[in-house]
Amino acid sequence: MANTVDSAKQEATDTWITTKVKADLLTEKGVPGSDIKVETSQGVVSLSSDVAVTESQKAMAVRIAKNIKGVRSVMSDGLKAE
């Protein structure tokens, strides 16, 4: 029973993190927030995009994600750099 509660709590946290990262990316000037996909699993945020982003945009997106409470780490392998 405890595992079910913990996993439901984690899912809610992951959903909140994903939503918060997306919102922060969208409001940040200079980052193509609408082109960056965000997925979160157990506090690990994965950023990816179908369009190329600059190295500075990639770094900014990673920094924004890392600043969100509850984020353990950020994976940016899926962000295509120009």
PDB file of N, CA and C in Angstrom:
ATOM      1  N   MET A   1       0.831  -1.211   0.000  1.00  0.00           N
ATOM      2  CA  MET A   1       0.000   0.000   0.000  1.00  0.00           C
ATOM      3  C   MET A   1       0.870   1.269   0.000  1.00  0.00           C
ATOM      4  N   ALA A   2       1.911   1.269   0.813  1.00  0.00           N
ATOM      5  CA  ALA A   2       2.778   2.452   0.903  1.00  0.00           C
ATOM      6  C   ALA A   2       3.427   2.759  -0.443  1.00  0.00           C
ATOM      7  N   ASN A   3       3.800   1.711  -1.176  1.00  0.00           N
ATOM      8  CA  ASN A   3       4.418   1.928  -2.487  1.00  0.00           C
ATOM      9  C   ASN A   3       3.473   2.633  -3.443  1.00  0.00           C
ATOM     10  N   THR A   4       2.199   2.265  -3.377  1.00  0.00           N
ATOM     11  CA  THR A   4       1.205   2.893  -4.248  1.00  0.00           C
ATOM     12  C   THR A   4       1.080   4.371  -3.926  1.00  0.00           C
ATOM     13  N   VAL A   5       1.049   4.702  -2.653  1.00  0.00           N
ATOM     14  CA  VAL A   5       0.937   6.098  -2.237  1.00  0.00           C
ATOM     15  C   VAL A   5       2.186   6.864  -2.668  1.00  0.00           C
ATOM     16  N   ASP A   6       3.358   6.274  -2.432  1.00  0.00           N
ATOM     17  CA  ASP A   6       4.609   6.930  -2.819  1.00  0.00           C
ATOM     18  C   ASP A   6       4.683   7.144  -4.318  1.00  0.00           C
ATOM     19  N   SER A   7       4.282   6.129  -5.093  1.00  0.00           N
ATOM     20  CA  SER A   7       4.375   6.267  -6.546  1.00  0.00           C
ATOM     21  C   SER A   7       3.356   7.291  -7.049  1.00  0.00           C
ATOM     22  N   ALA A   8       2.198   7.368  -6.440  1.00  0.00           N
ATOM     23  CA  ALA A   8       1.207   8.372  -6.832  1.00  0.00           C
ATOM     24  C   ALA A   8       1.726   9.767  -6.501  1.00  0.00           C
ATOM     25  N   LYS A   9       2.384   9.892  -5.356  1.00  0.00           N
ATOM     26  CA  LYS A   9       2.972  11.161  -4.954  1.00  0.00           C
ATOM     27  C   LYS A   9       4.061  11.580  -5.940  1.00  0.00           C
ATOM     28  N   GLN A  10       4.896  10.619  -6.347  1.00  0.00           N
ATOM     29  CA  GLN A  10       5.980  10.896  -7.295  1.00  0.00           C
ATOM     30  C   GLN A  10       5.426  11.312  -8.649  1.00  0.00           C
ATOM     31  N   GLU A  11       4.357  10.615  -9.087  1.00  0.00           N
ATOM     32  CA  GLU A  11       3.732  10.974 -10.368  1.00  0.00           C
ATOM     33  C   GLU A  11       3.204  12.399 -10.338  1.00  0.00           C
ATOM     34  N   ALA A  12       2.578  12.774  -9.227  1.00  0.00           N
ATOM     35  CA  ALA A  12       2.051  14.132  -9.083  1.00  0.00           C
ATOM     36  C   ALA A  12       3.201  15.129  -9.092  1.00  0.00           C
ATOM     37  N   THR A  13       4.285  14.793  -8.412  1.00  0.00           N
ATOM     38  CA  THR A  13       5.450  15.667  -8.375  1.00  0.00           C
ATOM     39  C   THR A  13       6.050  15.801  -9.766  1.00  0.00           C
ATOM     40  N   ASP A  14       6.189  14.678 -10.483  1.00  0.00           N
ATOM     41  CA  ASP A  14       6.744  14.710 -11.840  1.00  0.00           C
ATOM     42  C   ASP A  14       5.887  15.567 -12.766  1.00  0.00           C
ATOM     43  N   THR A  15       4.575  15.434 -12.639  1.00  0.00           N
ATOM     44  CA  THR A  15       3.657  16.228 -13.461  1.00  0.00           C
ATOM     45  C   THR A  15       3.821  17.709 -13.142  1.00  0.00           C
ATOM     46  N   TRP A  16       3.935  18.035 -11.858  1.00  0.00           N
ATOM     47  CA  TRP A  16       4.109  19.424 -11.441  1.00  0.00           C
ATOM     48  C   TRP A  16       5.423  19.971 -11.985  1.00  0.00           C
ATOM     49  N   ILE A  17       6.492  19.185 -11.871  1.00  0.00           N
ATOM     50  CA  ILE A  17       7.804  19.613 -12.367  1.00  0.00           C
ATOM     51  C   ILE A  17       7.730  19.886 -13.870  1.00  0.00           C
ATOM     52  N   THR A  18       7.149  18.951 -14.630  1.00  0.00           N
ATOM     53  CA  THR A  18       7.027  19.110 -16.080  1.00  0.00           C
ATOM     54  C   THR A  18       6.289  20.401 -16.418  1.00  0.00           C
ATOM     55  N   THR A  19       5.171  20.638 -15.752  1.00  0.00           N
ATOM     56  CA  THR A  19       4.362  21.826 -15.989  1.00  0.00           C
ATOM     57  C   THR A  19       5.139  23.089 -15.653  1.00  0.00           C
ATOM     58  N   LYS A  20       5.839  23.071 -14.525  1.00  0.00           N
ATOM     59  CA  LYS A  20       6.602  24.238 -14.074  1.00  0.00           C
ATOM     60  C   LYS A  20       7.769  24.535 -15.023  1.00  0.00           C
ATOM     61  N   VAL A  21       8.487  23.498 -15.465  1.00  0.00           N
ATOM     62  CA  VAL A  21       9.607  23.694 -16.393  1.00  0.00           C
ATOM     63  C   VAL A  21       9.083  24.278 -17.702  1.00  0.00           C
ATOM     64  N   LYS A  22       7.989  23.705 -18.225  1.00  0.00           N
ATOM     65  CA  LYS A  22       7.410  24.203 -19.479  1.00  0.00           C
ATOM     66  C   LYS A  22       7.015  25.670 -19.346  1.00  0.00           C
ATOM     67  N   ALA A  23       6.356  26.006 -18.246  1.00  0.00           N
ATOM     68  CA  ALA A  23       5.908  27.386 -18.029  1.00  0.00           C
ATOM     69  C   ALA A  23       7.103  28.333 -17.962  1.00  0.00           C
ATOM     70  N   ASP A  24       8.150  27.933 -17.241  1.00  0.00           N
ATOM     71  CA  ASP A  24       9.330  28.788 -17.111  1.00  0.00           C
ATOM     72  C   ASP A  24      10.062  28.933 -18.445  1.00  0.00           C
ATOM     73  N   LEU A  25      10.094  27.868 -19.242  1.00  0.00           N
ATOM     74  CA  LEU A  25      10.731  27.942 -20.558  1.00  0.00           C
ATOM     75  C   LEU A  25       9.959  28.877 -21.484  1.00  0.00           C
ATOM     76  N   LEU A  26       8.633  28.837 -21.395  1.00  0.00           N
ATOM     77  CA  LEU A  26       7.793  29.677 -22.248  1.00  0.00           C
ATOM     78  C   LEU A  26       7.927  31.152 -21.909  1.00  0.00           C
ATOM     79  N   THR A  27       8.161  31.460 -20.631  1.00  0.00           N
ATOM     80  CA  THR A  27       8.228  32.861 -20.220  1.00  0.00           C
ATOM     81  C   THR A  27       9.640  33.431 -20.326  1.00  0.00           C
ATOM     82  N   GLU A  28      10.632  32.577 -20.535  1.00  0.00           N
ATOM     83  CA  GLU A  28      12.021  33.041 -20.632  1.00  0.00           C
ATOM     84  C   GLU A  28      12.305  33.579 -22.027  1.00  0.00           C
ATOM     85  N   LYS A  29      12.738  34.827 -22.113  1.00  0.00           N
ATOM     86  CA  LYS A  29      13.072  35.409 -23.411  1.00  0.00           C
ATOM     87  C   LYS A  29      14.350  34.772 -23.937  1.00  0.00           C
ATOM     88  N   GLY A  30      14.387  34.522 -25.220  1.00  0.00           N
ATOM     89  CA  GLY A  30      15.593  33.974 -25.824  1.00  0.00           C
ATOM     90  C   GLY A  30      15.651  32.462 -25.847  1.00  0.00           C
ATOM     91  N   VAL A  31      14.628  31.804 -25.290  1.00  0.00           N
ATOM     92  CA  VAL A  31      14.563  30.343 -25.316  1.00  0.00           C
ATOM     93  C   VAL A  31      13.315  29.944 -26.098  1.00  0.00           C
ATOM     94  N   PRO A  32      13.462  29.051 -27.094  1.00  0.00           N
ATOM     95  CA  PRO A  32      12.283  28.628 -27.860  1.00  0.00           C
ATOM     96  C   PRO A  32      11.457  27.614 -27.061  1.00  0.00           C
ATOM     97  N   GLY A  33      10.835  28.108 -25.979  1.00  0.00           N
ATOM     98  CA  GLY A  33      10.120  27.241 -25.044  1.00  0.00           C
ATOM     99  C   GLY A  33       9.068  26.359 -25.674  1.00  0.00           C
ATOM    100  N   SER A  34       8.380  26.871 -26.691  1.00  0.00           N
ATOM    101  CA  SER A  34       7.318  26.074 -27.306  1.00  0.00           C
ATOM    102  C   SER A  34       7.890  24.933 -28.144  1.00  0.00           C
ATOM    103  N   ASP A  35       9.176  25.002 -28.497  1.00  0.00           N
ATOM    104  CA  ASP A  35       9.809  23.946 -29.296  1.00  0.00           C
ATOM    105  C   ASP A  35      10.496  22.881 -28.446  1.00  0.00           C
ATOM    106  N   ILE A  36      10.582  23.131 -27.140  1.00  0.00           N
ATOM    107  CA  ILE A  36      11.282  22.192 -26.260  1.00  0.00           C
ATOM    108  C   ILE A  36      10.275  21.296 -25.557  1.00  0.00           C
ATOM    109  N   LYS A  37      10.492  19.985 -25.699  1.00  0.00           N
ATOM    110  CA  LYS A  37       9.633  19.010 -25.030  1.00  0.00           C
ATOM    111  C   LYS A  37      10.236  18.706 -23.662  1.00  0.00           C
ATOM    112  N   VAL A  38       9.359  18.562 -22.679  1.00  0.00           N
ATOM    113  CA  VAL A  38       9.802  18.299 -21.311  1.00  0.00           C
ATOM    114  C   VAL A  38       9.136  17.027 -20.811  1.00  0.00           C
ATOM    115  N   GLU A  39       9.939  16.105 -20.319  1.00  0.00           N
ATOM    116  CA  GLU A  39       9.410  14.899 -19.679  1.00  0.00           C
ATOM    117  C   GLU A  39      10.127  14.730 -18.357  1.00  0.00           C
ATOM    118  N   THR A  40       9.380  14.267 -17.350  1.00  0.00           N
ATOM    119  CA  THR A  40       9.967  14.083 -16.031  1.00  0.00           C
ATOM    120  C   THR A  40       9.645  12.696 -15.517  1.00  0.00           C
ATOM    121  N   SER A  41      10.657  12.019 -15.007  1.00  0.00           N
ATOM    122  CA  SER A  41      10.465  10.703 -14.400  1.00  0.00           C
ATOM    123  C   SER A  41      11.303  10.626 -13.134  1.00  0.00           C
ATOM    124  N   GLN A  42      10.630  10.488 -12.017  1.00  0.00           N
ATOM    125  CA  GLN A  42      11.273  10.397 -10.712  1.00  0.00           C
ATOM    126  C   GLN A  42      12.240  11.555 -10.458  1.00  0.00           C
ATOM    127  N   GLY A  43      11.822  12.749 -10.844  1.00  0.00           N
ATOM    128  CA  GLY A  43      12.613  13.942 -10.586  1.00  0.00           C
ATOM    129  C   GLY A  43      13.692  14.222 -11.609  1.00  0.00           C
ATOM    130  N   VAL A  44      13.830  13.342 -12.608  1.00  0.00           N
ATOM    131  CA  VAL A  44      14.823  13.552 -13.670  1.00  0.00           C
ATOM    132  C   VAL A  44      14.107  14.146 -14.881  1.00  0.00           C
ATOM    133  N   VAL A  45      14.517  15.341 -15.262  1.00  0.00           N
ATOM    134  CA  VAL A  45      13.894  16.053 -16.375  1.00  0.00           C
ATOM    135  C   VAL A  45      14.668  15.766 -17.655  1.00  0.00           C
ATOM    136  N   SER A  46      13.944  15.375 -18.708  1.00  0.00           N
ATOM    137  CA  SER A  46      14.537  15.166 -20.026  1.00  0.00           C
ATOM    138  C   SER A  46      14.040  16.256 -20.963  1.00  0.00           C
ATOM    139  N   LEU A  47      14.971  16.991 -21.547  1.00  0.00           N
ATOM    140  CA  LEU A  47      14.630  18.043 -22.490  1.00  0.00           C
ATOM    141  C   LEU A  47      14.971  17.561 -23.894  1.00  0.00           C
ATOM    142  N   SER A  48      14.058  17.790 -24.850  1.00  0.00           N
ATOM    143  CA  SER A  48      14.327  17.411 -26.234  1.00  0.00           C
ATOM    144  C   SER A  48      13.641  18.411 -27.157  1.00  0.00           C
ATOM    145  N   SER A  49      14.066  18.405 -28.421  1.00  0.00           N
ATOM    146  CA  SER A  49      13.451  19.303 -29.399  1.00  0.00           C
ATOM    147  C   SER A  49      13.580  18.705 -30.788  1.00  0.00           C
ATOM    148  N   ASP A  50      12.647  19.085 -31.651  1.00  0.00           N
ATOM    149  CA  ASP A  50      12.706  18.667 -33.049  1.00  0.00           C
ATOM    150  C   ASP A  50      13.444  19.708 -33.884  1.00  0.00           C
ATOM    151  N   VAL A  51      13.530  20.916 -33.340  1.00  0.00           N
ATOM    152  CA  VAL A  51      14.242  21.986 -34.041  1.00  0.00           C
ATOM    153  C   VAL A  51      15.565  22.244 -33.323  1.00  0.00           C
ATOM    154  N   ALA A  52      16.524  22.752 -34.063  1.00  0.00           N
ATOM    155  CA  ALA A  52      17.840  23.026 -33.481  1.00  0.00           C
ATOM    156  C   ALA A  52      17.787  24.260 -32.582  1.00  0.00           C
ATOM    157  N   VAL A  53      18.502  24.188 -31.472  1.00  0.00           N
ATOM    158  CA  VAL A  53      18.645  25.326 -30.563  1.00  0.00           C
ATOM    159  C   VAL A  53      20.137  25.649 -30.467  1.00  0.00           C
ATOM    160  N   THR A  54      20.438  26.873 -30.096  1.00  0.00           N
ATOM    161  CA  THR A  54      21.842  27.246 -29.949  1.00  0.00           C
ATOM    162  C   THR A  54      22.382  26.676 -28.631  1.00  0.00           C
ATOM    163  N   GLU A  55      23.701  26.617 -28.513  1.00  0.00           N
ATOM    164  CA  GLU A  55      24.313  26.123 -27.268  1.00  0.00           C
ATOM    165  C   GLU A  55      23.881  26.967 -26.078  1.00  0.00           C
ATOM    166  N   SER A  56      23.769  28.281 -26.278  1.00  0.00           N
ATOM    167  CA  SER A  56      23.373  29.145 -25.158  1.00  0.00           C
ATOM    168  C   SER A  56      21.913  28.920 -24.769  1.00  0.00           C
ATOM    169  N   GLN A  57      21.052  28.662 -25.771  1.00  0.00           N
ATOM    170  CA  GLN A  57      19.641  28.354 -25.461  1.00  0.00           C
ATOM    171  C   GLN A  57      19.550  27.031 -24.711  1.00  0.00           C
ATOM    172  N   LYS A  58      20.358  26.058 -25.136  1.00  0.00           N
ATOM    173  CA  LYS A  58      20.384  24.758 -24.479  1.00  0.00           C
ATOM    174  C   LYS A  58      20.832  24.916 -23.023  1.00  0.00           C
ATOM    175  N   ALA A  59      21.903  25.669 -22.818  1.00  0.00           N
ATOM    176  CA  ALA A  59      22.418  25.890 -21.462  1.00  0.00           C
ATOM    177  C   ALA A  59      21.390  26.604 -20.589  1.00  0.00           C
ATOM    178  N   MET A  60      20.690  27.577 -21.169  1.00  0.00           N
ATOM    179  CA  MET A  60      19.682  28.318 -20.425  1.00  0.00           C
ATOM    180  C   MET A  60      18.509  27.409 -20.053  1.00  0.00           C
ATOM    181  N   ALA A  61      18.081  26.563 -20.984  1.00  0.00           N
ATOM    182  CA  ALA A  61      16.974  25.637 -20.717  1.00  0.00           C
ATOM    183  C   ALA A  61      17.338  24.673 -19.591  1.00  0.00           C
ATOM    184  N   VAL A  62      18.573  24.172 -19.615  1.00  0.00           N
ATOM    185  CA  VAL A  62      19.039  23.258 -18.562  1.00  0.00           C
ATOM    186  C   VAL A  62      19.075  23.987 -17.224  1.00  0.00           C
ATOM    187  N   ARG A  63      19.585  25.219 -17.223  1.00  0.00           N
ATOM    188  CA  ARG A  63      19.663  25.993 -15.979  1.00  0.00           C
ATOM    189  C   ARG A  63      18.274  26.255 -15.409  1.00  0.00           C
ATOM    190  N   ILE A  64      17.316  26.599 -16.279  1.00  0.00           N
ATOM    191  CA  ILE A  64      15.937  26.849 -15.840  1.00  0.00           C
ATOM    192  C   ILE A  64      15.368  25.591 -15.192  1.00  0.00           C
ATOM    193  N   ALA A  65      15.551  24.442 -15.849  1.00  0.00           N
ATOM    194  CA  ALA A  65      15.020  23.181 -15.323  1.00  0.00           C
ATOM    195  C   ALA A  65      15.656  22.830 -13.985  1.00  0.00           C
ATOM    196  N   LYS A  66      16.972  23.039 -13.868  1.00  0.00           N
ATOM    197  CA  LYS A  66      17.675  22.702 -12.615  1.00  0.00           C
ATOM    198  C   LYS A  66      17.230  23.568 -11.449  1.00  0.00           C
ATOM    199  N   ASN A  67      16.703  24.758 -11.736  1.00  0.00           N
ATOM    200  CA  ASN A  67      16.268  25.666 -10.674  1.00  0.00           C
ATOM    201  C   ASN A  67      14.902  25.310 -10.098  1.00  0.00           C
ATOM    202  N   ILE A  68      14.209  24.360 -10.713  1.00  0.00           N
ATOM    203  CA  ILE A  68      12.877  23.974 -10.238  1.00  0.00           C
ATOM    204  C   ILE A  68      13.009  23.054  -9.037  1.00  0.00           C
ATOM    205  N   LYS A  69      12.225  23.343  -8.002  1.00  0.00           N
ATOM    206  CA  LYS A  69      12.244  22.527  -6.795  1.00  0.00           C
ATOM    207  C   LYS A  69      11.822  21.096  -7.115  1.00  0.00           C
ATOM    208  N   GLY A  70      12.585  20.128  -6.626  1.00  0.00           N
ATOM    209  CA  GLY A  70      12.247  18.723  -6.825  1.00  0.00           C
ATOM    210  C   GLY A  70      12.996  18.072  -7.977  1.00  0.00           C
ATOM    211  N   VAL A  71      13.668  18.875  -8.797  1.00  0.00           N
ATOM    212  CA  VAL A  71      14.425  18.321  -9.922  1.00  0.00           C
ATOM    213  C   VAL A  71      15.734  17.738  -9.415  1.00  0.00           C
ATOM    214  N   ARG A  72      15.959  16.454  -9.691  1.00  0.00           N
ATOM    215  CA  ARG A  72      17.195  15.788  -9.263  1.00  0.00           C
ATOM    216  C   ARG A  72      18.311  15.993 -10.278  1.00  0.00           C
ATOM    217  N   SER A  73      17.979  15.859 -11.549  1.00  0.00           N
ATOM    218  CA  SER A  73      18.964  16.083 -12.602  1.00  0.00           C
ATOM    219  C   SER A  73      18.246  16.401 -13.905  1.00  0.00           C
ATOM    220  N   VAL A  74      19.023  16.889 -14.879  1.00  0.00           N
ATOM    221  CA  VAL A  74      18.463  17.276 -16.169  1.00  0.00           C
ATOM    222  C   VAL A  74      19.251  16.595 -17.279  1.00  0.00           C
ATOM    223  N   MET A  75      18.529  15.915 -18.166  1.00  0.00           N
ATOM    224  CA  MET A  75      19.134  15.275 -19.325  1.00  0.00           C
ATOM    225  C   MET A  75      18.820  16.144 -20.548  1.00  0.00           C
ATOM    226  N   SER A  76      19.845  16.524 -21.293  1.00  0.00           N
ATOM    227  CA  SER A  76      19.589  17.378 -22.459  1.00  0.00           C
ATOM    228  C   SER A  76      20.120  16.756 -23.755  1.00  0.00           C
ATOM    229  N   ASP A  77      20.314  15.425 -23.746  1.00  0.00           N
ATOM    230  CA  ASP A  77      20.815  14.734 -24.954  1.00  0.00           C
ATOM    231  C   ASP A  77      19.890  14.948 -26.141  1.00  0.00           C
ATOM    232  N   GLY A  78      18.586  15.090 -25.866  1.00  0.00           N
ATOM    233  CA  GLY A  78      17.607  15.213 -26.936  1.00  0.00           C
ATOM    234  C   GLY A  78      17.480  16.609 -27.519  1.00  0.00           C
ATOM    235  N   LEU A  79      18.206  17.584 -26.951  1.00  0.00           N
ATOM    236  CA  LEU A  79      18.167  18.940 -27.490  1.00  0.00           C
ATOM    237  C   LEU A  79      19.170  19.042 -28.617  1.00  0.00           C
ATOM    238  N   LYS A  80      18.667  19.297 -29.809  1.00  0.00           N
ATOM    239  CA  LYS A  80      19.544  19.387 -30.988  1.00  0.00           C
ATOM    240  C   LYS A  80      20.191  20.769 -31.023  1.00  0.00           C
ATOM    241  N   ALA A  81      21.497  20.790 -30.911  1.00  0.00           N
ATOM    242  CA  ALA A  81      22.212  22.066 -30.966  1.00  0.00           C
ATOM    243  C   ALA A  81      22.592  22.373 -32.415  1.00  0.00           C
ATOM    244  N   GLU A  82      22.584  23.659 -32.745  1.00  0.00           N
ATOM    245  CA  GLU A  82      22.945  24.090 -34.100  1.00  0.00           C
ATOM    246  C   GLU A  82      24.429  23.895 -34.347  1.00  0.00           C
TER     247      GLU A  82
END
